[in-house]
Amino acid sequence: MSKSDLDVLFVSPLGWSRHIWDKICPFLEEKEVAFLDFLDHSYEQVNLEKIEEKLSSELCRLKSDGIVVAASFGVVDCC
């Protein structure tokens, strides 16, 4: 299990670009952030098992008070 060092995890399924998060990250300068992308061009190759494995790996890095921000098709949700 990885060290819990992550403040914010951005999840970008279905082609959301890291460039979208570039507008948010300046407000998080003192935070440790990571990006988890599932891109359109690789979507056919991504299966549920791979998604769950990668997501679990990144969530293990998240601090207990960390934030997950997910987006798809223009909708942003934060929990």
N, C-alpha and C. Protein backbone atom coordinates (compact mmCIF):
# COMPACT_ATOMS: atom_id res chain seq x y z
N MET A 1 0.85 -1.18 0.00
CA MET A 1 0.00 0.00 0.00
C MET A 1 0.89 1.24 0.00
N SER A 2 0.53 2.19 -0.82
CA SER A 2 1.31 3.42 -0.94
C SER A 2 1.06 4.35 0.23
N LYS A 3 2.01 5.23 0.42
CA LYS A 3 1.87 6.27 1.44
C LYS A 3 0.71 7.20 1.05
N SER A 4 -0.07 7.62 2.04
CA SER A 4 -1.17 8.56 1.79
C SER A 4 -0.60 9.96 1.66
N ASP A 5 -0.34 10.38 0.43
CA ASP A 5 0.31 11.66 0.19
C ASP A 5 -0.50 12.58 -0.72
N LEU A 6 -1.67 12.14 -1.09
CA LEU A 6 -2.44 12.83 -2.12
C LEU A 6 -3.59 13.63 -1.52
N ASP A 7 -3.66 14.92 -1.88
CA ASP A 7 -4.74 15.79 -1.40
C ASP A 7 -5.96 15.76 -2.33
N VAL A 8 -5.70 15.74 -3.64
CA VAL A 8 -6.78 15.81 -4.62
C VAL A 8 -6.51 14.83 -5.75
N LEU A 9 -7.52 14.03 -6.08
CA LEU A 9 -7.44 13.12 -7.22
C LEU A 9 -8.46 13.57 -8.26
N PHE A 10 -8.00 13.90 -9.46
CA PHE A 10 -8.87 14.28 -10.56
C PHE A 10 -9.08 13.04 -11.43
N VAL A 11 -10.32 12.64 -11.63
CA VAL A 11 -10.65 11.50 -12.48
C VAL A 11 -11.31 12.04 -13.74
N SER A 12 -10.74 11.69 -14.89
CA SER A 12 -11.19 12.24 -16.16
C SER A 12 -11.57 11.13 -17.13
N PRO A 13 -12.76 10.59 -17.01
CA PRO A 13 -13.15 9.53 -17.94
C PRO A 13 -13.62 10.08 -19.28
N LEU A 14 -13.53 9.23 -20.29
CA LEU A 14 -14.09 9.50 -21.61
C LEU A 14 -13.59 10.78 -22.27
N GLY A 15 -12.28 10.96 -22.24
CA GLY A 15 -11.67 12.01 -23.04
C GLY A 15 -11.54 13.38 -22.40
N TRP A 16 -11.93 13.53 -21.14
CA TRP A 16 -11.71 14.83 -20.50
C TRP A 16 -10.21 15.06 -20.44
N SER A 17 -9.82 16.25 -20.76
CA SER A 17 -8.40 16.57 -20.86
C SER A 17 -7.85 17.15 -19.57
N ARG A 18 -6.59 16.91 -19.35
CA ARG A 18 -5.89 17.53 -18.22
C ARG A 18 -5.94 19.06 -18.34
N HIS A 19 -6.11 19.56 -19.55
CA HIS A 19 -6.17 21.02 -19.76
C HIS A 19 -7.35 21.65 -19.02
N ILE A 20 -8.41 20.90 -18.83
CA ILE A 20 -9.55 21.40 -18.05
C ILE A 20 -9.10 21.63 -16.62
N TRP A 21 -8.36 20.69 -16.07
CA TRP A 21 -7.91 20.80 -14.68
C TRP A 21 -6.87 21.90 -14.52
N ASP A 22 -6.20 22.27 -15.61
CA ASP A 22 -5.21 23.36 -15.54
C ASP A 22 -5.83 24.67 -15.06
N LYS A 23 -7.12 24.83 -15.25
CA LYS A 23 -7.80 26.04 -14.79
C LYS A 23 -8.08 25.99 -13.29
N ILE A 24 -8.11 24.80 -12.71
CA ILE A 24 -8.40 24.61 -11.29
C ILE A 24 -7.12 24.52 -10.46
N CYS A 25 -6.11 23.89 -11.00
CA CYS A 25 -4.88 23.61 -10.25
C CYS A 25 -4.18 24.84 -9.66
N PRO A 26 -4.21 26.02 -10.30
CA PRO A 26 -3.58 27.18 -9.67
C PRO A 26 -4.15 27.50 -8.29
N PHE A 27 -5.38 27.10 -8.03
CA PHE A 27 -5.99 27.33 -6.73
C PHE A 27 -5.54 26.28 -5.70
N LEU A 28 -4.81 25.28 -6.18
CA LEU A 28 -4.37 24.18 -5.32
C LEU A 28 -2.85 24.10 -5.25
N GLU A 29 -2.18 25.23 -5.36
CA GLU A 29 -0.72 25.25 -5.45
C GLU A 29 -0.02 24.51 -4.32
N GLU A 30 -0.58 24.52 -3.14
CA GLU A 30 0.07 23.90 -1.99
C GLU A 30 -0.42 22.48 -1.75
N LYS A 31 -1.18 21.94 -2.69
CA LYS A 31 -1.74 20.60 -2.55
C LYS A 31 -1.03 19.63 -3.48
N GLU A 32 -1.00 18.37 -3.07
CA GLU A 32 -0.47 17.31 -3.91
C GLU A 32 -1.63 16.75 -4.72
N VAL A 33 -1.54 16.84 -6.05
CA VAL A 33 -2.63 16.39 -6.91
C VAL A 33 -2.15 15.28 -7.85
N ALA A 34 -3.10 14.46 -8.29
CA ALA A 34 -2.82 13.42 -9.28
C ALA A 34 -3.98 13.38 -10.26
N PHE A 35 -3.70 12.84 -11.44
CA PHE A 35 -4.69 12.76 -12.50
C PHE A 35 -4.86 11.31 -12.92
N LEU A 36 -6.08 10.87 -13.03
CA LEU A 36 -6.39 9.52 -13.51
C LEU A 36 -7.27 9.70 -14.74
N ASP A 37 -6.71 9.37 -15.91
CA ASP A 37 -7.40 9.61 -17.18
C ASP A 37 -7.76 8.30 -17.87
N PHE A 38 -8.96 8.22 -18.36
CA PHE A 38 -9.40 7.14 -19.23
C PHE A 38 -9.82 7.81 -20.53
N LEU A 39 -8.96 7.74 -21.53
CA LEU A 39 -9.15 8.52 -22.75
C LEU A 39 -10.00 7.79 -23.78
N ASP A 40 -10.67 8.57 -24.65
CA ASP A 40 -11.52 8.01 -25.70
C ASP A 40 -10.77 7.00 -26.56
N HIS A 41 -9.56 7.34 -26.97
CA HIS A 41 -8.83 6.47 -27.90
C HIS A 41 -8.42 5.15 -27.26
N SER A 42 -8.39 5.08 -25.93
CA SER A 42 -8.03 3.82 -25.26
C SER A 42 -9.24 3.15 -24.61
N TYR A 43 -10.41 3.76 -24.77
CA TYR A 43 -11.59 3.27 -24.06
C TYR A 43 -11.93 1.83 -24.42
N GLU A 44 -11.77 1.44 -25.68
CA GLU A 44 -12.07 0.06 -26.08
C GLU A 44 -11.16 -0.94 -25.36
N GLN A 45 -9.97 -0.50 -24.98
CA GLN A 45 -9.01 -1.39 -24.34
C GLN A 45 -9.16 -1.41 -22.82
N VAL A 46 -9.92 -0.50 -22.28
CA VAL A 46 -10.07 -0.40 -20.83
C VAL A 46 -11.28 -1.22 -20.41
N ASN A 47 -11.06 -2.13 -19.45
CA ASN A 47 -12.20 -2.89 -18.94
C ASN A 47 -12.42 -2.55 -17.48
N LEU A 48 -13.53 -3.00 -16.94
CA LEU A 48 -13.91 -2.66 -15.57
C LEU A 48 -12.83 -3.06 -14.57
N GLU A 49 -12.23 -4.21 -14.76
CA GLU A 49 -11.19 -4.68 -13.85
C GLU A 49 -10.00 -3.72 -13.83
N LYS A 50 -9.57 -3.27 -15.00
CA LYS A 50 -8.44 -2.34 -15.08
C LYS A 50 -8.78 -1.00 -14.44
N ILE A 51 -10.01 -0.53 -14.67
CA ILE A 51 -10.44 0.74 -14.09
C ILE A 51 -10.45 0.64 -12.57
N GLU A 52 -11.04 -0.44 -12.05
CA GLU A 52 -11.11 -0.61 -10.59
C GLU A 52 -9.73 -0.75 -9.97
N GLU A 53 -8.83 -1.46 -10.66
CA GLU A 53 -7.46 -1.64 -10.16
C GLU A 53 -6.73 -0.30 -10.07
N LYS A 54 -6.80 0.50 -11.12
CA LYS A 54 -6.11 1.79 -11.15
C LYS A 54 -6.73 2.76 -10.15
N LEU A 55 -8.07 2.78 -10.09
CA LEU A 55 -8.76 3.67 -9.17
C LEU A 55 -8.43 3.31 -7.72
N SER A 56 -8.42 2.03 -7.41
CA SER A 56 -8.08 1.57 -6.06
C SER A 56 -6.66 1.98 -5.69
N SER A 57 -5.75 1.85 -6.63
CA SER A 57 -4.35 2.22 -6.40
C SER A 57 -4.24 3.70 -6.05
N GLU A 58 -4.92 4.55 -6.81
CA GLU A 58 -4.86 5.99 -6.57
C GLU A 58 -5.59 6.38 -5.29
N LEU A 59 -6.72 5.73 -5.01
CA LEU A 59 -7.47 6.05 -3.79
C LEU A 59 -6.68 5.68 -2.54
N CYS A 60 -5.83 4.67 -2.62
CA CYS A 60 -4.98 4.30 -1.48
C CYS A 60 -3.98 5.41 -1.16
N ARG A 61 -3.65 6.21 -2.14
CA ARG A 61 -2.73 7.33 -1.94
C ARG A 61 -3.42 8.55 -1.33
N LEU A 62 -4.74 8.59 -1.38
CA LEU A 62 -5.50 9.75 -0.94
C LEU A 62 -5.49 9.88 0.58
N LYS A 63 -5.20 11.09 1.05
CA LYS A 63 -5.24 11.37 2.48
C LYS A 63 -6.67 11.20 2.98
N SER A 64 -6.83 11.00 4.29
CA SER A 64 -8.17 10.78 4.85
C SER A 64 -9.10 11.97 4.60
N ASP A 65 -8.55 13.17 4.48
CA ASP A 65 -9.37 14.34 4.19
C ASP A 65 -9.23 14.79 2.73
N GLY A 66 -8.74 13.87 1.88
CA GLY A 66 -8.54 14.18 0.47
C GLY A 66 -9.85 14.31 -0.28
N ILE A 67 -9.75 14.84 -1.49
CA ILE A 67 -10.92 15.12 -2.32
C ILE A 67 -10.76 14.40 -3.66
N VAL A 68 -11.85 13.81 -4.14
CA VAL A 68 -11.90 13.23 -5.48
C VAL A 68 -12.81 14.12 -6.32
N VAL A 69 -12.29 14.56 -7.47
CA VAL A 69 -13.08 15.37 -8.39
C VAL A 69 -13.17 14.58 -9.69
N ALA A 70 -14.40 14.29 -10.11
CA ALA A 70 -14.61 13.51 -11.33
C ALA A 70 -15.45 14.29 -12.32
N ALA A 71 -15.18 14.07 -13.60
CA ALA A 71 -15.93 14.79 -14.63
C ALA A 71 -16.17 13.88 -15.82
N SER A 72 -17.29 14.11 -16.48
CA SER A 72 -17.59 13.42 -17.72
C SER A 72 -18.64 14.21 -18.48
N PHE A 73 -18.41 14.41 -19.76
CA PHE A 73 -19.36 15.09 -20.63
C PHE A 73 -19.83 16.43 -20.07
N GLY A 74 -18.92 17.21 -19.54
CA GLY A 74 -19.24 18.56 -19.09
C GLY A 74 -19.80 18.67 -17.69
N VAL A 75 -19.90 17.56 -16.99
CA VAL A 75 -20.41 17.57 -15.62
C VAL A 75 -19.25 17.38 -14.67
N VAL A 76 -19.14 18.22 -13.66
CA VAL A 76 -18.10 18.08 -12.65
C VAL A 76 -18.78 17.74 -11.34
N ASP A 77 -18.27 16.71 -10.67
CA ASP A 77 -18.82 16.30 -9.38
C ASP A 77 -17.67 16.18 -8.40
N CYS A 78 -17.87 16.64 -7.21
CA CYS A 78 -16.83 16.62 -6.19
C CYS A 78 -17.37 15.93 -4.96
N CYS A 79 -16.58 15.00 -4.42
CA CYS A 79 -17.04 14.32 -3.20
C CYS A 79 -15.88 14.08 -2.26
